[in-house]
Amino acid sequence: MVDDVKDITETAESKASQEALDRARLARERREAEQRKRLDELRAHAAAAQAQREKRDEDRRRRQAEQRAKDDERRIQVRI
């Protein structure tokens, strides 16, 4: 009888311990998934910001080239 109670107690403790480990594992997995999601969002944001900078720089270079072409055309017209 005492052995039966001891077995039941050990089984309950083992089950509680396993459940605690499962909860800890699930919490860790959830935390890691959230971290991966945040990292992916940061990477996407960084890529979008980089693309926007590149487009802005390209537009600026295009406007500068157009202005140089206009200036060159004016110089040619003044010489004629």
N, C-alpha and C. Protein backbone atom coordinates (compact mmCIF):
# COMPACT_ATOMS: atom_id res chain seq x y z
N MET A 1 0.82 -1.19 0.00
CA MET A 1 0.00 0.00 0.00
C MET A 1 0.86 1.26 0.00
N VAL A 2 1.89 1.27 0.85
CA VAL A 2 2.79 2.41 0.91
C VAL A 2 3.52 2.54 -0.42
N ASP A 3 3.89 1.40 -0.99
CA ASP A 3 4.57 1.42 -2.29
C ASP A 3 3.66 1.99 -3.37
N ASP A 4 2.37 1.66 -3.31
CA ASP A 4 1.41 2.18 -4.29
C ASP A 4 1.31 3.70 -4.19
N VAL A 5 1.23 4.21 -2.99
CA VAL A 5 1.15 5.66 -2.78
C VAL A 5 2.44 6.31 -3.28
N LYS A 6 3.56 5.67 -2.98
CA LYS A 6 4.86 6.19 -3.42
C LYS A 6 4.92 6.23 -4.95
N ASP A 7 4.47 5.18 -5.61
CA ASP A 7 4.45 5.13 -7.08
C ASP A 7 3.55 6.21 -7.65
N ILE A 8 2.38 6.39 -7.06
CA ILE A 8 1.44 7.41 -7.54
C ILE A 8 2.05 8.80 -7.37
N THR A 9 2.69 9.03 -6.24
CA THR A 9 3.33 10.33 -5.98
C THR A 9 4.45 10.57 -6.99
N GLU A 10 5.29 9.57 -7.22
CA GLU A 10 6.38 9.72 -8.18
C GLU A 10 5.85 9.94 -9.59
N THR A 11 4.78 9.24 -9.95
CA THR A 11 4.18 9.41 -11.27
C THR A 11 3.62 10.81 -11.42
N ALA A 12 2.95 11.31 -10.40
CA ALA A 12 2.38 12.66 -10.45
C ALA A 12 3.49 13.70 -10.55
N GLU A 13 4.56 13.51 -9.77
CA GLU A 13 5.68 14.44 -9.83
C GLU A 13 6.35 14.40 -11.20
N SER A 14 6.49 13.21 -11.74
CA SER A 14 7.10 13.05 -13.05
C SER A 14 6.24 13.73 -14.12
N LYS A 15 4.93 13.54 -14.01
CA LYS A 15 4.00 14.15 -14.96
C LYS A 15 4.04 15.68 -14.84
N ALA A 16 4.06 16.19 -13.62
CA ALA A 16 4.12 17.64 -13.40
C ALA A 16 5.43 18.19 -13.94
N SER A 17 6.51 17.46 -13.73
CA SER A 17 7.81 17.88 -14.23
C SER A 17 7.80 17.92 -15.76
N GLN A 18 7.24 16.91 -16.37
CA GLN A 18 7.17 16.85 -17.83
C GLN A 18 6.31 17.99 -18.37
N GLU A 19 5.19 18.28 -17.71
CA GLU A 19 4.32 19.37 -18.14
C GLU A 19 5.05 20.71 -18.02
N ALA A 20 5.82 20.88 -16.96
CA ALA A 20 6.59 22.11 -16.78
C ALA A 20 7.62 22.25 -17.90
N LEU A 21 8.28 21.15 -18.23
CA LEU A 21 9.25 21.18 -19.33
C LEU A 21 8.56 21.50 -20.66
N ASP A 22 7.39 20.92 -20.87
CA ASP A 22 6.64 21.19 -22.10
C ASP A 22 6.24 22.66 -22.18
N ARG A 23 5.77 23.22 -21.06
CA ARG A 23 5.39 24.64 -21.04
C ARG A 23 6.60 25.52 -21.33
N ALA A 24 7.73 25.19 -20.73
CA ALA A 24 8.95 25.96 -20.94
C ALA A 24 9.39 25.87 -22.40
N ARG A 25 9.31 24.67 -22.97
CA ARG A 25 9.69 24.49 -24.37
C ARG A 25 8.77 25.29 -25.29
N LEU A 26 7.47 25.22 -25.03
CA LEU A 26 6.52 25.97 -25.86
C LEU A 26 6.75 27.47 -25.74
N ALA A 27 7.02 27.94 -24.54
CA ALA A 27 7.29 29.37 -24.33
C ALA A 27 8.54 29.78 -25.10
N ARG A 28 9.59 28.96 -25.04
CA ARG A 28 10.83 29.26 -25.76
C ARG A 28 10.58 29.27 -27.27
N GLU A 29 9.84 28.29 -27.77
CA GLU A 29 9.55 28.23 -29.20
C GLU A 29 8.74 29.45 -29.64
N ARG A 30 7.79 29.86 -28.81
CA ARG A 30 6.98 31.04 -29.13
C ARG A 30 7.86 32.29 -29.17
N ARG A 31 8.74 32.42 -28.18
CA ARG A 31 9.66 33.56 -28.12
C ARG A 31 10.57 33.58 -29.35
N GLU A 32 11.11 32.44 -29.71
CA GLU A 32 11.99 32.36 -30.87
C GLU A 32 11.24 32.69 -32.16
N ALA A 33 10.01 32.24 -32.28
CA ALA A 33 9.21 32.55 -33.46
C ALA A 33 8.94 34.05 -33.55
N GLU A 34 8.65 34.67 -32.42
CA GLU A 34 8.42 36.11 -32.41
C GLU A 34 9.69 36.86 -32.78
N GLN A 35 10.83 36.39 -32.29
CA GLN A 35 12.11 37.03 -32.63
C GLN A 35 12.40 36.90 -34.12
N ARG A 36 12.13 35.71 -34.68
CA ARG A 36 12.34 35.52 -36.12
C ARG A 36 11.44 36.45 -36.92
N LYS A 37 10.18 36.57 -36.48
CA LYS A 37 9.23 37.45 -37.17
C LYS A 37 9.71 38.90 -37.12
N ARG A 38 10.15 39.36 -35.95
CA ARG A 38 10.65 40.74 -35.83
C ARG A 38 11.87 40.95 -36.70
N LEU A 39 12.76 39.96 -36.72
CA LEU A 39 13.97 40.07 -37.54
C LEU A 39 13.61 40.14 -39.02
N ASP A 40 12.66 39.31 -39.45
CA ASP A 40 12.21 39.35 -40.84
C ASP A 40 11.60 40.70 -41.18
N GLU A 41 10.81 41.26 -40.25
CA GLU A 41 10.20 42.57 -40.48
C GLU A 41 11.28 43.65 -40.58
N LEU A 42 12.29 43.57 -39.71
CA LEU A 42 13.39 44.54 -39.77
C LEU A 42 14.15 44.43 -41.08
N ARG A 43 14.39 43.21 -41.52
CA ARG A 43 15.09 43.02 -42.79
C ARG A 43 14.28 43.58 -43.95
N ALA A 44 12.97 43.34 -43.94
CA ALA A 44 12.11 43.86 -45.01
C ALA A 44 12.11 45.38 -44.99
N HIS A 45 12.04 45.96 -43.80
CA HIS A 45 12.05 47.42 -43.67
C HIS A 45 13.38 47.98 -44.17
N ALA A 46 14.48 47.34 -43.81
CA ALA A 46 15.80 47.79 -44.26
C ALA A 46 15.93 47.70 -45.77
N ALA A 47 15.40 46.63 -46.35
CA ALA A 47 15.46 46.47 -47.81
C ALA A 47 14.63 47.55 -48.50
N ALA A 48 13.45 47.85 -47.95
CA ALA A 48 12.60 48.89 -48.53
C ALA A 48 13.28 50.25 -48.42
N ALA A 49 13.90 50.53 -47.29
CA ALA A 49 14.60 51.80 -47.10
C ALA A 49 15.77 51.91 -48.08
N GLN A 50 16.50 50.82 -48.26
CA GLN A 50 17.62 50.82 -49.21
C GLN A 50 17.13 51.07 -50.63
N ALA A 51 16.04 50.42 -51.02
CA ALA A 51 15.49 50.62 -52.36
C ALA A 51 15.05 52.07 -52.54
N GLN A 52 14.45 52.65 -51.51
CA GLN A 52 14.01 54.04 -51.60
C GLN A 52 15.21 54.98 -51.74
N ARG A 53 16.29 54.72 -50.97
CA ARG A 53 17.50 55.54 -51.09
C ARG A 53 18.09 55.44 -52.49
N GLU A 54 18.15 54.22 -53.02
CA GLU A 54 18.71 54.03 -54.36
C GLU A 54 17.88 54.75 -55.41
N LYS A 55 16.56 54.69 -55.29
CA LYS A 55 15.69 55.39 -56.25
C LYS A 55 15.88 56.90 -56.14
N ARG A 56 15.95 57.41 -54.91
CA ARG A 56 16.15 58.84 -54.71
C ARG A 56 17.48 59.29 -55.32
N ASP A 57 18.55 58.50 -55.09
CA ASP A 57 19.86 58.84 -55.64
C ASP A 57 19.85 58.78 -57.17
N GLU A 58 19.17 57.79 -57.72
CA GLU A 58 19.07 57.67 -59.17
C GLU A 58 18.32 58.87 -59.76
N ASP A 59 17.22 59.26 -59.12
CA ASP A 59 16.47 60.43 -59.59
C ASP A 59 17.32 61.69 -59.52
N ARG A 60 18.08 61.83 -58.43
CA ARG A 60 18.96 63.00 -58.28
C ARG A 60 20.01 63.02 -59.39
N ARG A 61 20.64 61.88 -59.68
CA ARG A 61 21.64 61.83 -60.75
C ARG A 61 21.02 62.14 -62.11
N ARG A 62 19.80 61.64 -62.33
CA ARG A 62 19.12 61.91 -63.60
C ARG A 62 18.85 63.41 -63.75
N ARG A 63 18.36 64.05 -62.68
CA ARG A 63 18.09 65.50 -62.74
C ARG A 63 19.38 66.28 -62.97
N GLN A 64 20.47 65.86 -62.33
CA GLN A 64 21.75 66.54 -62.53
C GLN A 64 22.21 66.40 -63.98
N ALA A 65 22.05 65.21 -64.54
CA ALA A 65 22.44 64.99 -65.94
C ALA A 65 21.59 65.84 -66.87
N GLU A 66 20.29 65.93 -66.59
CA GLU A 66 19.41 66.77 -67.41
C GLU A 66 19.83 68.24 -67.31
N GLN A 67 20.17 68.69 -66.10
CA GLN A 67 20.59 70.08 -65.92
C GLN A 67 21.90 70.34 -66.65
N ARG A 68 22.84 69.40 -66.60
CA ARG A 68 24.10 69.56 -67.34
C ARG A 68 23.83 69.66 -68.83
N ALA A 69 22.92 68.82 -69.33
CA ALA A 69 22.59 68.85 -70.75
C ALA A 69 21.99 70.21 -71.13
N LYS A 70 21.11 70.75 -70.30
CA LYS A 70 20.52 72.07 -70.56
C LYS A 70 21.60 73.15 -70.56
N ASP A 71 22.50 73.08 -69.57
CA ASP A 71 23.58 74.06 -69.49
C ASP A 71 24.48 73.99 -70.72
N ASP A 72 24.80 72.78 -71.15
CA ASP A 72 25.63 72.61 -72.35
C ASP A 72 24.92 73.19 -73.57
N GLU A 73 23.62 72.95 -73.68
CA GLU A 73 22.85 73.47 -74.81
C GLU A 73 22.85 74.99 -74.80
N ARG A 74 22.73 75.60 -73.64
CA ARG A 74 22.76 77.07 -73.54
C ARG A 74 24.12 77.60 -73.96
N ARG A 75 25.19 76.94 -73.54
CA ARG A 75 26.53 77.39 -73.92
C ARG A 75 26.71 77.32 -75.44
N ILE A 76 26.19 76.26 -76.03
CA ILE A 76 26.29 76.12 -77.49
C ILE A 76 25.50 77.23 -78.16
N GLN A 77 24.31 77.56 -77.66
CA GLN A 77 23.48 78.61 -78.25
C GLN A 77 24.16 79.97 -78.11
N VAL A 78 24.85 80.22 -77.02
CA VAL A 78 25.53 81.51 -76.81
C VAL A 78 26.67 81.66 -77.81
N ARG A 79 27.37 80.59 -78.13
CA ARG A 79 28.49 80.64 -79.06
C ARG A 79 28.04 80.91 -80.49
N ILE A 80 26.84 80.49 -80.83
CA ILE A 80 26.36 80.63 -82.21
C ILE A 80 25.92 82.00 -82.49
